[in-house]
Protein backbone atom coordinates (compact mmCIF):
# COMPACT_ATOMS: atom_id res chain seq x y z
CA MET A 1 0.00 0.00 0.00
CA SER A 2 2.85 2.38 0.80
CA ALA A 3 4.34 1.84 -2.64
CA GLU A 4 1.02 2.66 -4.31
CA SER A 5 0.71 5.76 -2.15
CA ILE A 6 4.19 6.88 -3.23
CA ARG A 7 3.50 6.02 -6.87
CA HIS A 8 0.35 8.16 -6.81
CA SER A 9 2.00 10.89 -4.70
CA SER A 10 -1.04 10.76 -2.44
CA LEU A 11 -2.32 8.98 0.64
CA SER A 12 -5.50 8.27 -1.32
CA PHE A 13 -5.44 5.99 -4.36
CA ASP A 14 -7.27 3.30 -6.33
CA ILE A 15 -5.79 -0.11 -7.03
CA PRO A 16 -6.51 -1.90 -10.32
CA PHE A 17 -7.84 -5.03 -8.58
CA ASP A 18 -10.97 -6.18 -6.81
CA ARG A 19 -10.46 -8.06 -3.52
CA GLN A 20 -10.19 -11.49 -5.15
CA GLN A 21 -7.75 -10.24 -7.77
CA LEU A 22 -5.65 -8.54 -5.08
CA ALA A 23 -5.53 -11.74 -3.04
CA ASP A 24 -4.55 -13.72 -6.13
CA TYR A 25 -1.86 -11.17 -7.00
CA LEU A 26 -0.46 -11.41 -3.47
CA CYS A 27 -0.84 -15.23 -3.44
CA ILE A 28 -2.87 -15.15 -0.23
CA ASN A 29 -6.32 -16.25 0.91
CA ARG A 30 -8.98 -13.60 0.22
CA ALA A 31 -10.77 -14.13 3.54
CA ALA A 32 -7.54 -13.74 5.52
CA MET A 33 -6.63 -10.62 3.53
CA SER A 34 -10.08 -9.12 4.14
CA THR A 35 -9.73 -9.82 7.87
CA GLU A 36 -6.41 -7.97 7.95
CA ILE A 37 -7.81 -5.05 5.96
CA SER A 38 -10.71 -4.84 8.42
CA LYS A 39 -8.27 -4.79 11.35
CA LEU A 40 -6.31 -1.98 9.73
CA GLN A 41 -9.54 -0.01 9.28
CA LYS A 42 -10.64 -0.55 12.89
CA GLU A 43 -7.22 0.59 14.11
CA ASP A 44 -7.52 3.72 11.91
CA PHE A 45 -4.49 2.96 9.76
CA ILE A 46 -6.49 2.92 6.51
CA LYS A 47 -9.88 3.74 5.06
CA THR A 48 -11.13 1.69 2.16
CA ASN A 49 -14.11 1.41 -0.14
CA ARG A 50 -13.88 -1.39 -2.70
CA ASN A 51 -10.63 -0.73 -4.58
CA HIS A 52 -10.10 2.77 -3.17
CA PHE A 53 -7.68 3.06 -0.27
CA GLU A 54 -6.65 5.97 1.92
CA LEU A 55 -3.69 5.65 4.24
CA ILE A 56 -4.11 7.53 7.49
CA ALA A 57 -1.00 9.52 8.32
CA CYS A 58 0.33 8.74 11.75
CA ASN A 59 3.39 9.60 13.74
CA GLU A 60 5.71 7.55 15.96
CA THR A 61 3.63 8.39 19.06
CA ASP A 62 0.50 6.93 17.42
CA LEU A 63 2.36 3.71 16.66
CA GLN A 64 3.56 3.36 20.25
CA ASP A 65 0.05 4.02 21.64
CA ASN A 66 -1.34 1.10 19.58
CA LYS A 67 1.09 -1.46 21.08
């Protein structure tokens, strides 16, 4: 996700895959991937809607608070 963010020069970007295609591309189980994406959303690291992702900027203090 970070690489796509850098490539688009934005924290908000679309990926050219649906969830199944993304899982296939990453060679992982779609259900497991969706679970991890949901966790990232609940922890306010990302926002997502279908193939649109937005990375939530955080600082070192935020990362330490989540441990």
